[in-house]
Protein backbone atom coordinates (compact mmCIF):
# COMPACT_ATOMS: atom_id res chain seq x y z
CA MET A 1 -0.12 0.11 -0.38
CA GLY A 2 3.08 1.75 -0.20
CA LEU A 3 2.73 2.57 3.86
CA SER A 4 5.92 2.86 6.20
CA ALA A 5 5.87 1.80 9.38
CA ASN A 6 6.48 5.22 10.70
CA MET A 7 3.46 6.29 8.70
CA VAL A 8 1.36 3.47 10.52
CA SER A 9 3.04 4.92 13.93
CA SER A 10 2.22 8.41 13.37
CA ALA A 11 -1.24 7.92 12.02
CA GLY A 12 -2.26 5.90 14.80
CA ALA A 13 -0.83 8.45 17.37
CA ILE A 14 -2.57 11.92 15.52
CA GLY A 15 -5.96 9.31 15.80
CA THR A 16 -5.78 8.79 19.50
CA VAL A 17 -4.64 12.20 20.67
CA ILE A 18 -7.84 13.54 18.37
CA SER A 19 -10.32 11.01 19.85
CA ALA A 20 -9.39 11.30 23.07
CA LEU A 21 -9.07 15.00 22.90
CA TYR A 22 -12.44 15.21 21.29
CA PHE A 23 -14.53 12.54 22.84
CA TYR A 24 -13.36 12.34 26.52
CA PRO A 25 -13.37 15.91 27.78
CA ARG A 26 -17.04 15.81 26.29
CA GLY A 27 -17.82 13.05 28.62
CA GLU A 28 -18.57 10.77 25.14
CA PHE A 29 -16.41 7.78 27.27
CA LEU A 30 -17.53 4.84 25.68
CA THR A 31 -17.30 6.14 21.96
CA GLY A 32 -13.81 8.18 22.17
CA THR A 33 -12.51 4.59 24.13
CA LEU A 34 -13.56 2.77 20.84
CA VAL A 35 -12.26 4.75 18.31
CA SER A 36 -8.61 5.40 20.31
CA ILE A 37 -8.36 1.09 20.78
CA PHE A 38 -9.10 1.61 17.33
CA PHE A 39 -6.04 3.87 16.44
CA ILE A 40 -4.10 2.30 19.53
CA LEU A 41 -3.62 -1.28 17.19
CA PHE A 42 -1.71 0.54 14.94
CA ASP A 43 1.24 0.50 17.25
CA LEU A 44 0.65 -3.00 17.16
CA LEU A 45 1.06 -3.05 13.12
CA ASP A 46 4.02 -0.57 12.97
CA GLY A 47 6.30 -2.75 14.89
CA THR A 48 5.77 -5.91 12.76
CA MET A 49 5.63 -3.81 9.52
CA ALA A 50 8.94 -2.66 10.47
CA ARG A 51 10.49 -6.00 11.00
CA LEU A 52 8.57 -7.36 7.50
CA SER A 53 9.78 -4.52 5.30
CA LYS A 54 12.86 -4.50 3.30
CA SER A 55 14.61 -1.47 4.89
CA GLY A 56 14.18 -3.09 8.51
CA SER A 57 13.58 -1.54 11.45
CA SER A 58 15.37 1.98 12.46
CA THR A 59 16.49 4.01 15.20
CA TRP A 60 14.74 6.34 14.04
CA GLY A 61 12.00 4.43 13.82
CA ALA A 62 11.94 3.12 17.27
CA LEU A 63 12.77 6.55 18.55
CA LEU A 64 9.43 8.06 16.45
CA ASP A 65 7.44 5.13 17.89
CA SER A 66 8.66 5.09 21.52
CA THR A 67 7.47 9.10 21.18
CA LEU A 68 4.55 8.85 19.83
CA ASP A 69 3.40 6.21 22.48
CA ARG A 70 4.13 8.41 25.04
CA ILE A 71 1.88 11.32 23.33
CA SER A 72 -0.75 8.82 22.94
CA ASP A 73 -0.74 7.44 26.21
CA ALA A 74 -0.86 11.10 28.15
CA SER A 75 -3.48 12.04 25.50
CA LEU A 76 -5.83 9.54 26.79
CA LEU A 77 -5.50 10.62 30.61
CA ALA A 78 -5.29 14.69 29.45
CA GLY A 79 -8.94 14.32 27.72
CA VAL A 80 -10.31 12.18 31.01
CA MET A 81 -8.88 14.91 33.38
CA LEU A 82 -10.31 17.68 31.13
CA PHE A 83 -13.80 16.47 31.82
CA LEU A 84 -13.30 15.96 35.53
CA VAL A 85 -11.76 19.62 35.87
CA ASP A 86 -14.57 21.02 34.19
CA ARG A 87 -16.73 19.10 36.90
CA ASN A 88 -13.97 20.20 39.96
CA ASP A 89 -13.85 16.56 40.18
CA ARG A 90 -11.70 14.98 43.54
CA LEU A 91 -10.43 12.72 41.63
CA VAL A 92 -8.15 15.10 39.56
CA PRO A 93 -4.94 14.48 41.98
CA VAL A 94 -5.36 11.08 41.13
CA VAL A 95 -5.49 11.42 37.40
CA VAL A 96 -2.42 13.51 37.72
CA VAL A 97 -0.29 11.26 39.62
CA ALA A 98 -1.34 8.23 37.13
CA LEU A 99 -0.19 10.42 34.18
CA VAL A 100 3.15 11.56 35.64
CA ALA A 101 4.03 8.50 36.99
CA GLY A 102 3.39 6.72 33.89
CA GLY A 103 5.56 8.64 31.96
CA LEU A 104 8.64 7.96 34.70
CA VAL A 105 8.15 4.13 34.36
CA SER A 106 8.76 4.52 30.54
CA TYR A 107 11.47 7.37 31.45
CA ILE A 108 13.32 5.19 34.16
CA LYS A 109 13.57 2.72 31.88
CA ALA A 110 14.69 4.48 28.99
CA ARG A 111 17.12 6.33 30.96
CA ALA A 112 18.62 3.08 32.45
CA GLU A 113 18.79 1.58 29.17
CA SER A 114 21.04 4.62 28.42
CA LEU A 115 23.30 3.88 31.14
CA ASP A 116 23.42 0.20 29.53
CA ILE A 117 21.34 -1.17 32.82
CA ALA A 118 18.72 -3.54 32.00
CA CYS A 119 15.07 -2.64 33.41
CA GLU A 120 12.55 -4.68 32.66
CA GLY A 121 10.03 -5.43 34.49
CA GLY A 122 7.18 -3.75 36.67
CA ILE A 123 3.41 -4.47 37.45
CA ALA A 124 2.56 -1.21 35.37
CA GLU A 125 4.27 -1.59 32.26
CA ARG A 126 3.03 0.41 29.44
CA THR A 127 0.31 -2.45 27.91
CA GLU A 128 -0.69 -2.80 31.48
CA ARG A 129 -1.34 0.68 31.94
CA LEU A 130 -3.71 1.02 28.57
CA ILE A 131 -5.75 -1.42 29.95
CA VAL A 132 -6.02 -0.24 33.13
CA ALA A 133 -6.92 3.15 31.70
CA LEU A 134 -9.03 2.19 28.60
CA LEU A 135 -11.18 -0.44 30.92
CA ALA A 136 -12.16 2.05 33.18
CA ILE A 137 -12.79 4.53 30.71
CA GLY A 138 -14.83 2.40 28.90
CA LEU A 139 -16.59 1.17 31.37
CA ALA A 140 -17.60 4.56 33.11
CA GLY A 141 -18.95 5.14 29.74
CA LEU A 142 -21.30 2.28 30.36
CA HIS A 143 -22.04 3.86 33.08
CA VAL A 144 -20.30 1.52 35.92
CA ARG A 145 -20.08 3.59 38.71
CA PHE A 146 -17.10 4.54 40.70
CA SER A 147 -15.10 2.97 37.38
CA LEU A 148 -12.81 5.97 36.78
CA ALA A 149 -12.04 6.23 40.61
CA ILE A 150 -11.38 2.41 41.02
CA GLY A 151 -9.61 2.46 37.98
CA PHE A 152 -7.40 5.64 38.31
CA TRP A 153 -6.32 4.61 41.61
CA ILE A 154 -4.96 1.30 40.66
CA LEU A 155 -3.15 2.95 37.54
CA ALA A 156 -1.78 5.93 39.74
CA VAL A 157 -0.59 3.51 42.62
CA ALA A 158 0.64 0.86 40.01
CA SER A 159 2.49 3.41 38.02
CA VAL A 160 4.20 4.79 41.25
CA TYR A 161 5.33 1.43 42.72
CA THR A 162 6.58 0.27 39.59
CA CYS A 163 8.48 3.26 39.16
CA LEU A 164 9.84 2.74 42.55
CA GLU A 165 10.53 -1.07 41.53
CA ARG A 166 12.67 0.06 38.33
CA LEU A 167 14.63 2.91 40.39
CA ARG A 168 15.74 -0.12 42.78
CA ILE A 169 16.69 -2.05 39.75
CA VAL A 170 18.94 0.48 38.85
CA PHE A 171 20.23 1.30 41.93
CA VAL A 172 21.26 -2.32 42.86
CA ALA A 173 23.19 -2.25 39.21
CA THR A 174 24.90 0.69 39.87
CA ARG A 175 26.00 -0.61 43.43
CA LYS A 176 27.19 -4.00 41.04
CA GLN A 177 28.88 -1.73 39.05
CA ASN A 178 31.16 0.19 41.82
């Protein structure tokens, strides 16, 4: 079709950002989640496309994909946060913690790897965070009471725990190096 893996990554991220920031602030959680899931699935295709292409995967493509993943993930939580801020909801600080900690989970791993320290694991890696967030938001769209609160508390606590877990992994690894 003439599409590169980078084009698929970009289209998926743009679609996710637009859908999350359009539907979620309006409280259209079910529609927003279904549309966002459609675009998030592009993320499953881009890596496979890169590996199967004649040119293979590239360093630039890997960086672009990781960057777009962070933007997509943040847009999902930001869209919900805009909805909650508009209603002066007490859940806003929990969403902020989930948003910041989720970014830190990825940052700590990337920074550790830049120091040649393997930093795998954690209970709230990207896939788990996406599943919890999309499930909570989608259930809220189906009017399941407290699904946002339960989901975002789980997301915040699990993300903070994963940050601490990864920091411990790096700390132990640096102690062995010194």
